[in-house]
Amino acid sequence: MIRRTTVQLAAMCGAEMNEAAARRADAVICGVATDSRRPAEGRLFIPLSGERFDAHDYVGDAFAGGAAASLWQAGRPVPEALAGRPLLLVDDTLAALQRLAAAYRGQLPATVIGITGSNGKTSTKDMTASVLARRLRVHKTEGNLNNHIGLPLSILAMDENTEAAVLEMGMSGFGEIERLTRIARPDVAVITNIGDAHLLQLGSREGIAKAKLEIAAGLKEGGVLLINGDEPLLREGAKRAEGYGKWRLETFALGREDGWSAKLLAATAKESAFTIRPPEGPEWPGEFRVPVPGRHNVANALAAAAVGALLGLDPESIRQGLGAVKLSAMRLETTHAANGAVVLNDTYNASPASVKAMIAFVGELTGYRRKWLVLGDMLELGPDENRLHYETGAAANPDRIHAVLAVGERSKHTVRGAAERLGPERAIHFADKDALVRRLLAELAPDDLVLVKGSRGMRMEEVVHALVRG
């Protein structure tokens, strides 16, 4: 984590020290904290403000918890209880946090990989970190710290001996990725894909592609923009992206062979096997495996392999790294219901593209008596949400999917689409999760498979937990 003196931190974030801070100008501060309820021993506390809270009210608690100093918004009265406490006065505490992270990143020799995309960015982050860890000291974004607050905190958590940092970048509107990439200044930027997530905010897939390509704005000169070559909007948009010509464009794809390419060999509910061909030269020898299923995860693994090669790793190290991947929670976890049925927990989030990909994947699996789709609403899809839900349900192949069970107001349209393919007796909407679970447990057999998926706000993992309990 960041380790700097008080005066150094003040300079990095553009702060003015109060008298108490000036007296401790040479004191070393290790790390930052934003939550006064957690230990802040020796750290710089950063009081952030939101719609319903203002952490300036808890600066005293942070000092009581051991904070060494705190940011403070200039012009805001300082309570008597904080008299004599070291404060760094700034125009805006969030902007100061971002300036501090950008300055710290600029002082570190680490190679930074920035990853964004509509789907798969967290899985690709995990895979990339696992690959690079075969040869390098790696730091990666933990959890979902991928926004305007989380990304700076991820950077400030890096040790100075970090050799490669894998940073996830999320967004919901225009300008957000640009802000993050200018803080992180990636050497390699990856766009996993574009889908239908955030159509409400961005209006169209063209808008989504434009927003994702903002990642190029912070790409270092001489760096690499690695995009999904199966996405025409990305291929076309990259040539109009900021800095084009100062960095190199490379592609990865399953459906093309003019860049990094992969061929799926086999997929089970637990792993995927594939081959890899680099842009130049012959196919790498042997097969590669990732302990996660799905064609879409092969694309994610291919992106991770390409990053590894760009950073100088050999194919065998990349093979070992992919084989050792551990994905973040609720991203295609394989578990079992109480009666032994296989349950695929992919409940972290959902979009039409990701749900259709999982429906296709489940349809291809063999060795199960029946395959069930348990789906929740997909959120933030804008005015076309009813059509998108309908089309998602209609993707269920009656020869490969036994039934679609859905919950949520929008998912009524998912069921409507599924019913036209499966029939009304095999496409059922439920008023709540409890009713859905009761129905499924009554019919689920030990040799069945269940996919559970929905947007984060639907908390579909509750269905998984109920099936596990039985």
Protein backbone atom coordinates (compact mmCIF):
# COMPACT_ATOMS: atom_id res chain seq x y z
CA MET A 1 0.00 0.00 0.00
CA ILE A 2 1.04 3.63 -0.38
CA ARG A 3 3.67 4.72 2.13
CA ARG A 4 4.50 8.44 2.10
CA THR A 5 5.14 11.28 4.53
CA THR A 6 2.45 13.77 5.39
CA VAL A 7 4.05 16.50 3.29
CA GLN A 8 4.43 14.12 0.33
CA LEU A 9 0.77 13.11 0.50
CA ALA A 10 -0.25 16.77 0.67
CA ALA A 11 1.72 17.54 -2.48
CA MET A 12 0.38 14.49 -4.32
CA CYS A 13 -3.28 15.31 -3.70
CA GLY A 14 -2.99 19.10 -3.88
CA ALA A 15 -3.67 19.73 -0.19
CA GLU A 16 -2.71 22.48 2.24
CA MET A 17 -1.58 21.24 5.65
CA ASN A 18 -3.04 22.73 8.82
CA GLU A 19 -0.67 23.54 11.69
CA ALA A 20 -0.96 20.09 13.27
CA ALA A 21 -0.19 18.40 9.95
CA ALA A 22 2.74 20.75 9.31
CA ARG A 23 4.24 19.77 12.67
CA ARG A 24 4.07 16.13 11.52
CA ALA A 25 5.21 16.83 7.97
CA ASP A 26 7.84 14.09 8.04
CA ALA A 27 5.64 11.47 9.73
CA VAL A 28 5.16 8.40 7.54
CA ILE A 29 1.55 7.45 6.73
CA CYS A 30 0.76 3.95 5.43
CA GLY A 31 -2.40 3.41 3.41
CA VAL A 32 -5.76 5.15 3.19
CA ALA A 33 -9.17 4.51 4.73
CA THR A 34 -12.67 5.66 3.82
CA ASP A 35 -14.77 3.85 6.44
CA SER A 36 -14.42 5.05 10.04
CA ARG A 37 -15.97 1.79 11.27
CA ARG A 38 -12.90 -0.14 10.18
CA PRO A 39 -9.41 0.03 11.69
CA ALA A 40 -7.52 3.04 10.34
CA GLU A 41 -4.28 2.64 12.29
CA GLY A 42 -1.57 4.80 10.75
CA ARG A 43 -3.66 5.60 7.65
CA LEU A 44 -4.87 8.73 5.90
CA PHE A 45 -8.63 8.99 6.35
CA ILE A 46 -10.55 10.26 3.32
CA PRO A 47 -14.05 11.54 4.22
CA LEU A 48 -16.27 11.09 1.18
CA SER A 49 -19.78 12.48 0.81
CA GLY A 50 -22.84 10.87 -0.75
CA GLU A 51 -26.53 11.62 -1.11
CA ARG A 52 -27.32 10.28 2.35
CA PHE A 53 -24.08 10.71 4.29
CA ASP A 54 -21.07 12.94 4.80
CA ALA A 55 -18.05 11.17 6.25
CA HIS A 56 -16.70 14.48 7.58
CA ASP A 57 -19.07 13.74 10.47
CA TYR A 58 -16.98 10.66 11.32
CA VAL A 59 -13.46 12.04 11.07
CA GLY A 60 -13.28 12.06 14.87
CA ASP A 61 -14.14 8.35 14.91
CA ALA A 62 -11.38 7.71 12.37
CA PHE A 63 -8.82 9.43 14.58
CA ALA A 64 -10.10 7.44 17.54
CA GLY A 65 -9.48 4.34 15.42
CA GLY A 66 -5.85 5.31 14.89
CA ALA A 67 -5.89 7.42 11.71
CA ALA A 68 -2.65 9.38 11.32
CA ALA A 69 -4.24 12.27 9.38
CA SER A 70 -7.38 13.13 7.45
CA LEU A 71 -8.39 15.04 4.39
CA TRP A 72 -10.79 17.90 5.07
CA GLN A 73 -12.79 20.05 2.69
CA ALA A 74 -11.37 23.57 2.73
CA GLY A 75 -13.77 26.22 3.98
CA ARG A 76 -15.74 23.76 6.06
CA PRO A 77 -15.67 24.69 9.78
CA VAL A 78 -13.44 22.40 11.83
CA PRO A 79 -15.17 21.15 15.01
CA GLU A 80 -13.47 21.91 18.29
CA ALA A 81 -13.07 18.17 18.89
CA LEU A 82 -10.67 18.05 15.93
CA ALA A 83 -8.53 20.97 17.09
CA GLY A 84 -4.92 19.86 17.03
CA ARG A 85 -5.59 16.95 14.66
CA PRO A 86 -3.53 16.81 11.43
CA LEU A 87 -5.78 17.77 8.53
CA LEU A 88 -4.97 18.13 4.84
CA LEU A 89 -7.27 20.78 3.37
CA VAL A 90 -8.53 20.12 -0.18
CA ASP A 91 -11.12 21.56 -2.53
CA ASP A 92 -12.96 18.23 -2.84
CA THR A 93 -12.10 15.01 -1.04
CA LEU A 94 -13.12 12.70 -3.90
CA ALA A 95 -11.10 14.67 -6.43
CA ALA A 96 -8.17 14.64 -3.99
CA LEU A 97 -8.43 10.85 -3.66
CA GLN A 98 -8.29 10.53 -7.44
CA ARG A 99 -5.32 12.93 -7.71
CA LEU A 100 -3.49 10.98 -5.01
CA ALA A 101 -4.05 7.68 -6.83
CA ALA A 102 -2.95 9.15 -10.18
CA ALA A 103 0.21 10.57 -8.61
CA TYR A 104 1.02 7.28 -6.87
CA ARG A 105 0.48 5.32 -10.07
CA GLY A 106 2.91 7.68 -11.82
CA GLN A 107 5.59 6.93 -9.23
CA LEU A 108 5.36 3.15 -9.60
CA PRO A 109 7.24 1.05 -12.16
CA ALA A 110 4.43 -1.53 -12.41
CA THR A 111 2.93 -2.42 -15.77
CA VAL A 112 -0.79 -1.64 -15.60
CA ILE A 113 -3.45 -3.65 -17.40
CA GLY A 114 -6.86 -1.98 -17.54
CA ILE A 115 -9.88 -4.17 -18.30
CA THR A 116 -13.41 -3.12 -19.20
CA GLY A 117 -16.35 -4.58 -21.12
CA SER A 118 -20.07 -5.18 -20.89
CA ASN A 119 -19.58 -8.76 -19.70
CA GLY A 120 -16.67 -10.83 -18.50
CA LYS A 121 -14.39 -8.07 -17.22
CA THR A 122 -14.12 -9.54 -13.72
CA SER A 123 -13.51 -13.06 -15.02
CA THR A 124 -10.91 -11.70 -17.46
CA LYS A 125 -9.28 -9.78 -14.61
CA ASP A 126 -9.06 -12.94 -12.51
CA MET A 127 -7.68 -14.96 -15.42
CA THR A 128 -5.15 -12.30 -16.36
CA ALA A 129 -3.92 -11.98 -12.79
CA SER A 130 -3.58 -15.75 -12.50
CA VAL A 131 -1.54 -15.92 -15.71
CA LEU A 132 0.78 -13.04 -14.81
CA ALA A 133 1.29 -14.40 -11.29
CA ARG A 134 3.26 -17.30 -12.78
CA ARG A 135 6.21 -14.93 -13.33
CA LEU A 136 5.39 -11.54 -11.81
CA ARG A 137 4.35 -9.93 -8.52
CA VAL A 138 0.72 -9.09 -9.26
CA HIS A 139 -1.86 -6.78 -7.72
CA LYS A 140 -5.47 -6.91 -8.89
CA THR A 141 -8.77 -5.20 -8.21
CA GLU A 142 -10.50 -6.91 -5.31
CA GLY A 143 -14.25 -7.44 -5.32
CA ASN A 144 -16.08 -4.81 -7.34
CA LEU A 145 -13.79 -1.83 -6.59
CA ASN A 146 -13.94 -0.72 -10.22
CA ASN A 147 -15.59 2.71 -10.13
CA HIS A 148 -14.50 6.32 -9.51
CA ILE A 149 -13.87 5.50 -5.84
CA GLY A 150 -12.91 1.84 -6.02
CA LEU A 151 -10.26 2.16 -8.74
CA PRO A 152 -8.26 4.85 -6.87
CA LEU A 153 -8.46 2.74 -3.71
CA SER A 154 -7.22 -0.29 -5.68
CA ILE A 155 -4.22 1.69 -6.92
CA LEU A 156 -3.40 3.03 -3.47
CA ALA A 157 -3.49 -0.53 -2.09
CA MET A 158 -0.62 -1.55 -4.40
CA ASP A 159 2.77 -2.34 -2.90
CA GLU A 160 5.72 -0.53 -4.42
CA ASN A 161 7.28 -3.81 -5.52
CA THR A 162 4.25 -4.69 -7.67
CA GLU A 163 5.33 -5.66 -11.17
CA ALA A 164 1.91 -5.92 -12.81
CA ALA A 165 -1.41 -4.39 -11.75
CA VAL A 166 -4.64 -5.75 -13.24
CA LEU A 167 -7.34 -3.12 -12.77
CA GLU A 168 -11.00 -3.51 -13.62
CA MET A 169 -12.92 -0.47 -14.88
CA GLY A 170 -16.70 -0.31 -14.71
CA MET A 171 -19.12 2.37 -15.84
CA SER A 172 -22.75 3.22 -16.38
CA GLY A 173 -22.45 6.37 -18.50
CA PHE A 174 -20.25 8.37 -20.84
CA GLY A 175 -17.07 9.88 -19.42
CA GLU A 176 -16.67 7.42 -16.57
CA ILE A 177 -14.16 5.08 -18.21
CA GLU A 178 -12.17 8.09 -19.46
CA ARG A 179 -11.89 9.37 -15.90
CA LEU A 180 -10.67 5.98 -14.66
CA THR A 181 -8.19 5.37 -17.46
CA ARG A 182 -6.58 8.78 -16.99
CA ILE A 183 -5.98 7.86 -13.35
CA ALA A 184 -4.66 4.35 -14.08
CA ARG A 185 -2.66 5.16 -17.25
CA PRO A 186 -2.67 1.54 -18.49
CA ASP A 187 0.13 0.04 -20.58
CA VAL A 188 -2.34 -2.52 -21.92
CA ALA A 189 -6.09 -1.88 -22.18
CA VAL A 190 -8.55 -4.72 -22.77
CA ILE A 191 -12.18 -4.51 -23.90
CA THR A 192 -13.82 -7.90 -23.44
CA ASN A 193 -16.99 -7.17 -25.49
CA ILE A 194 -19.99 -4.91 -25.82
CA GLY A 195 -23.48 -6.07 -24.93
CA ASP A 196 -26.83 -4.65 -23.92
CA ALA A 197 -26.00 -3.66 -20.34
CA HIS A 198 -26.48 0.09 -19.69
CA LEU A 199 -28.65 0.64 -22.74
CA LEU A 200 -30.80 2.79 -20.45
CA GLN A 201 -27.94 5.25 -19.97
CA LEU A 202 -26.11 4.92 -23.30
CA GLY A 203 -28.98 4.48 -25.72
CA SER A 204 -27.54 1.97 -28.19
CA ARG A 205 -24.82 -0.62 -28.70
CA GLU A 206 -22.95 2.05 -30.66
CA GLY A 207 -23.07 4.22 -27.55
CA ILE A 208 -21.84 1.34 -25.41
CA ALA A 209 -18.89 0.75 -27.77
CA LYS A 210 -18.01 4.44 -27.69
CA ALA A 211 -18.10 4.48 -23.88
CA LYS A 212 -15.91 1.37 -23.58
CA LEU A 213 -13.38 2.76 -26.08
CA GLU A 214 -12.82 5.70 -23.75
CA ILE A 215 -10.27 3.40 -22.10
CA ALA A 216 -7.87 4.34 -24.92
CA ALA A 217 -7.80 7.96 -23.72
CA GLY A 218 -5.44 7.08 -20.87
CA LEU A 219 -3.45 4.41 -22.70
CA LYS A 220 0.27 5.08 -22.56
CA GLU A 221 2.06 5.95 -25.77
CA GLY A 222 3.45 2.74 -27.20
CA GLY A 223 0.89 0.68 -25.30
CA VAL A 224 -1.58 -1.90 -26.64
CA LEU A 225 -5.35 -1.75 -26.99
CA LEU A 226 -6.60 -5.36 -27.06
CA ILE A 227 -10.21 -5.66 -28.20
CA ASN A 228 -12.69 -8.41 -28.98
CA GLY A 229 -12.33 -8.79 -32.73
CA ASP A 230 -15.73 -10.48 -33.02
CA GLU A 231 -17.30 -7.06 -32.25
CA PRO A 232 -17.44 -4.95 -35.47
CA LEU A 233 -18.37 -1.83 -33.48
CA LEU A 234 -15.15 -2.15 -31.48
CA ARG A 235 -13.01 -2.79 -34.55
CA GLU A 236 -14.44 0.22 -36.34
CA GLY A 237 -14.54 2.47 -33.28
CA ALA A 238 -10.95 1.75 -32.25
CA LYS A 239 -9.68 3.61 -35.32
CA ARG A 240 -11.52 6.71 -34.15
CA ALA A 241 -10.46 6.38 -30.49
CA GLU A 242 -8.32 9.01 -28.83
CA GLY A 243 -4.62 8.46 -29.41
CA TYR A 244 -5.05 6.03 -32.31
CA GLY A 245 -1.64 5.63 -33.90
CA LYS A 246 0.24 6.29 -30.67
CA TRP A 247 -0.65 2.85 -29.38
CA ARG A 248 -0.93 -0.53 -31.10
CA LEU A 249 -4.26 -2.24 -31.78
CA GLU A 250 -4.55 -6.01 -31.38
CA THR A 251 -7.59 -8.29 -31.41
CA PHE A 252 -8.65 -11.57 -29.87
CA ALA A 253 -11.57 -13.62 -31.13
CA LEU A 254 -13.10 -17.04 -31.45
CA GLY A 255 -14.67 -16.34 -34.83
CA ARG A 256 -11.73 -14.70 -36.64
CA GLU A 257 -8.12 -15.67 -37.33
CA ASP A 258 -6.51 -12.29 -38.02
CA GLY A 259 -5.44 -11.76 -34.41
CA TRP A 260 -5.25 -13.88 -31.28
CA SER A 261 -7.60 -16.80 -31.89
CA ALA A 262 -8.83 -19.85 -30.02
CA LYS A 263 -10.68 -23.01 -30.94
CA LEU A 264 -12.99 -24.61 -28.38
CA LEU A 265 -12.26 -28.32 -28.05
CA ALA A 266 -14.57 -29.37 -25.22
CA ALA A 267 -16.70 -27.86 -22.47
CA THR A 268 -18.23 -29.42 -19.38
CA ALA A 269 -20.02 -27.91 -16.41
CA LYS A 270 -16.65 -27.53 -14.71
CA GLU A 271 -14.05 -26.64 -17.35
CA SER A 272 -13.29 -25.68 -20.94
CA ALA A 273 -10.50 -26.93 -23.21
CA PHE A 274 -9.20 -25.04 -26.24
CA THR A 275 -6.22 -24.28 -28.44
CA ILE A 276 -4.52 -20.90 -28.96
CA ARG A 277 -3.01 -19.36 -32.06
CA PRO A 278 -1.06 -16.07 -31.78
CA PRO A 279 -1.39 -13.39 -34.50
CA GLU A 280 1.86 -14.50 -36.08
CA GLY A 281 3.36 -17.94 -36.04
CA PRO A 282 1.94 -21.43 -35.56
CA GLU A 283 -0.65 -22.60 -33.05
CA TRP A 284 0.80 -23.08 -29.59
CA PRO A 285 1.39 -26.77 -28.84
CA GLY A 286 -1.05 -28.73 -26.70
CA GLU A 287 -4.41 -27.77 -25.28
CA PHE A 288 -5.23 -25.13 -22.69
CA ARG A 289 -7.82 -25.48 -19.95
CA VAL A 290 -9.64 -23.14 -17.60
CA PRO A 291 -11.59 -24.56 -14.64
CA VAL A 292 -14.72 -22.62 -15.66
CA PRO A 293 -17.24 -23.55 -18.35
CA GLY A 294 -18.55 -21.73 -21.36
CA ARG A 295 -17.51 -20.51 -24.79
CA HIS A 296 -17.56 -16.93 -23.50
CA ASN A 297 -15.00 -17.86 -20.85
CA VAL A 298 -12.72 -19.24 -23.56
CA ALA A 299 -12.78 -15.74 -25.09
CA ASN A 300 -11.93 -14.27 -21.68
CA ALA A 301 -9.10 -16.79 -21.27
CA LEU A 302 -7.78 -15.92 -24.72
CA ALA A 303 -7.60 -12.25 -23.77
CA ALA A 304 -5.70 -13.19 -20.59
CA ALA A 305 -3.31 -15.35 -22.60
CA ALA A 306 -2.67 -12.50 -25.03
CA VAL A 307 -1.86 -10.12 -22.16
CA GLY A 308 0.51 -12.70 -20.72
CA ALA A 309 2.32 -13.03 -24.03
CA LEU A 310 2.51 -9.24 -24.43
CA LEU A 311 4.26 -9.10 -21.05
CA GLY A 312 6.76 -11.74 -22.07
CA LEU A 313 5.34 -14.95 -20.59
CA ASP A 314 5.91 -18.20 -22.45
CA PRO A 315 3.02 -20.50 -23.48
CA GLU A 316 3.73 -23.03 -20.72
CA SER A 317 3.52 -20.37 -17.99
CA ILE A 318 0.27 -19.12 -19.54
CA ARG A 319 -1.09 -22.67 -19.60
CA GLN A 320 -0.30 -23.08 -15.88
CA GLY A 321 -1.83 -19.72 -15.01
CA LEU A 322 -5.10 -20.44 -16.81
CA GLY A 323 -5.33 -23.86 -15.19
CA ALA A 324 -5.01 -22.30 -11.73
CA VAL A 325 -7.72 -19.65 -12.16
CA LYS A 326 -10.10 -18.96 -9.27
CA LEU A 327 -12.97 -16.69 -10.26
CA SER A 328 -14.60 -14.16 -7.97
CA ALA A 329 -17.74 -15.29 -6.15
CA MET A 330 -21.06 -15.89 -7.95
CA ARG A 331 -19.46 -16.00 -11.38
CA LEU A 332 -20.34 -19.40 -12.76
CA GLU A 333 -19.67 -21.28 -9.55
CA THR A 334 -20.55 -24.96 -9.66
CA THR A 335 -22.30 -26.26 -6.57
CA HIS A 336 -24.89 -28.92 -5.76
CA ALA A 337 -28.46 -28.91 -4.56
CA ALA A 338 -29.28 -30.89 -1.44
CA ASN A 339 -30.29 -33.89 -3.55
CA GLY A 340 -27.06 -33.80 -5.60
CA ALA A 341 -28.29 -31.95 -8.71
CA VAL A 342 -25.66 -29.67 -10.28
CA VAL A 343 -26.33 -25.94 -9.77
CA LEU A 344 -24.51 -23.30 -11.82
CA ASN A 345 -24.45 -20.09 -9.78
CA ASP A 346 -23.94 -17.19 -12.21
CA THR A 347 -25.87 -14.64 -10.20
CA TYR A 348 -23.43 -11.73 -9.96
CA ASN A 349 -25.07 -9.94 -12.87
CA ALA A 350 -26.91 -10.45 -16.14
CA SER A 351 -27.51 -8.88 -19.54
CA PRO A 352 -29.25 -10.24 -22.64
CA ALA A 353 -25.91 -11.17 -24.22
CA SER A 354 -24.57 -12.95 -21.15
CA VAL A 355 -27.84 -14.81 -20.48
CA LYS A 356 -28.11 -15.96 -24.10
CA ALA A 357 -24.50 -17.15 -23.95
CA MET A 358 -25.27 -19.19 -20.85
CA ILE A 359 -28.46 -20.61 -22.37
CA ALA A 360 -26.46 -21.76 -25.39
CA PHE A 361 -23.74 -23.20 -23.17
CA VAL A 362 -26.18 -25.12 -20.95
CA GLY A 363 -27.90 -26.41 -24.08
CA GLU A 364 -24.64 -27.94 -25.29
CA LEU A 365 -23.93 -29.83 -22.05
CA THR A 366 -24.64 -33.54 -22.03
CA GLY A 367 -25.02 -36.18 -19.35
CA TYR A 368 -27.94 -34.60 -17.48
CA ARG A 369 -31.52 -35.87 -17.26
CA ARG A 370 -33.08 -32.41 -17.49
CA LYS A 371 -31.70 -28.86 -17.66
CA TRP A 372 -33.51 -26.00 -15.92
CA LEU A 373 -33.08 -22.26 -16.43
CA VAL A 374 -33.91 -20.13 -13.40
CA LEU A 375 -33.85 -16.49 -14.51
CA GLY A 376 -34.44 -13.13 -12.83
CA ASP A 377 -34.93 -9.66 -14.28
CA MET A 378 -32.16 -7.95 -16.26
CA LEU A 379 -31.97 -4.31 -15.19
CA GLU A 380 -30.97 -1.02 -16.84
CA LEU A 381 -32.00 -2.04 -20.36
CA GLY A 382 -33.97 1.08 -21.23
CA PRO A 383 -37.14 1.33 -23.34
CA ASP A 384 -36.48 -1.96 -25.17
CA GLU A 385 -36.38 -4.02 -21.97
CA ASN A 386 -39.57 -5.95 -22.71
CA ARG A 387 -38.36 -6.99 -26.16
CA LEU A 388 -34.91 -7.92 -24.85
CA HIS A 389 -36.39 -10.10 -22.12
CA TYR A 390 -38.71 -11.75 -24.65
CA GLU A 391 -35.84 -12.50 -27.04
CA THR A 392 -33.78 -13.94 -24.20
CA GLY A 393 -36.55 -16.35 -23.28
CA ALA A 394 -37.01 -17.28 -26.92
CA ALA A 395 -33.36 -18.41 -27.03
CA ALA A 396 -34.27 -21.55 -25.05
CA ASN A 397 -34.08 -24.59 -27.36
CA PRO A 398 -36.93 -27.01 -26.55
CA ASP A 399 -34.73 -29.99 -27.45
CA ARG A 400 -32.02 -28.96 -25.01
CA ILE A 401 -33.76 -27.05 -22.19
CA HIS A 402 -36.41 -28.71 -20.05
CA ALA A 403 -37.98 -25.61 -18.50
CA VAL A 404 -37.60 -21.90 -17.80
CA LEU A 405 -38.62 -20.69 -14.34
CA ALA A 406 -38.51 -16.93 -13.84
CA VAL A 407 -39.17 -14.30 -11.19
CA GLY A 408 -39.47 -10.52 -11.45
CA GLU A 409 -41.84 -8.16 -13.25
CA ARG A 410 -39.70 -7.88 -16.40
CA SER A 411 -39.21 -11.64 -16.53
CA LYS A 412 -42.86 -12.08 -17.45
CA HIS A 413 -41.64 -11.23 -20.94
CA THR A 414 -38.83 -13.79 -20.65
CA VAL A 415 -41.45 -16.43 -19.90
CA ARG A 416 -43.60 -15.23 -22.78
CA GLY A 417 -40.69 -15.73 -25.19
CA ALA A 418 -39.76 -19.10 -23.69
CA ALA A 419 -43.38 -20.32 -23.80
CA GLU A 420 -43.49 -19.87 -27.58
CA ARG A 421 -40.55 -22.29 -27.86
CA LEU A 422 -41.14 -24.66 -24.94
CA GLY A 423 -44.88 -24.44 -24.41
CA PRO A 424 -46.68 -22.82 -21.46
CA GLU A 425 -46.29 -25.85 -19.19
CA ARG A 426 -42.47 -25.54 -19.42
CA ALA A 427 -42.18 -21.76 -19.08
CA ILE A 428 -43.51 -20.53 -15.75
CA HIS A 429 -43.43 -17.15 -14.03
CA PHE A 430 -43.50 -16.93 -10.22
CA ALA A 431 -44.56 -14.08 -7.98
CA ASP A 432 -41.60 -14.61 -5.65
CA LYS A 433 -38.47 -16.72 -5.19
CA ASP A 434 -39.94 -18.87 -2.43
CA ALA A 435 -42.69 -20.12 -4.72
CA LEU A 436 -40.16 -20.79 -7.47
CA VAL A 437 -37.88 -22.75 -5.15
CA ARG A 438 -40.76 -24.85 -3.81
CA ARG A 439 -41.82 -25.81 -7.33
CA LEU A 440 -38.27 -26.60 -8.43
CA LEU A 441 -37.41 -28.68 -5.35
CA ALA A 442 -40.58 -30.71 -5.86
CA GLU A 443 -39.48 -31.75 -9.35
CA LEU A 444 -35.67 -31.58 -9.30
CA ALA A 445 -33.89 -34.91 -9.78
CA PRO A 446 -30.34 -35.75 -8.61
CA ASP A 447 -29.09 -36.02 -12.19
CA ASP A 448 -30.55 -32.65 -13.29
CA LEU A 449 -28.71 -29.38 -13.89
CA VAL A 450 -29.92 -25.90 -12.91
CA LEU A 451 -28.59 -22.55 -14.15
CA VAL A 452 -29.44 -19.58 -11.92
CA LYS A 453 -28.86 -16.09 -13.34
CA GLY A 454 -30.17 -12.53 -12.98
CA SER A 455 -29.08 -8.95 -12.41
CA ARG A 456 -27.33 -8.11 -9.15
CA GLY A 457 -30.35 -6.24 -7.85
CA MET A 458 -32.47 -9.41 -8.08
CA ARG A 459 -30.28 -11.30 -5.56
CA MET A 460 -30.79 -14.58 -7.35
CA GLU A 461 -28.12 -16.21 -5.18
CA GLU A 462 -30.93 -16.60 -2.64
CA VAL A 463 -32.36 -19.26 -4.96
CA VAL A 464 -29.00 -21.05 -5.03
CA HIS A 465 -28.75 -21.03 -1.25
CA ALA A 466 -32.29 -22.40 -0.94
CA LEU A 467 -31.53 -25.24 -3.37
CA VAL A 468 -28.36 -26.12 -1.47
CA ARG A 469 -30.28 -26.23 1.83
CA GLY A 470 -33.05 -28.30 0.26
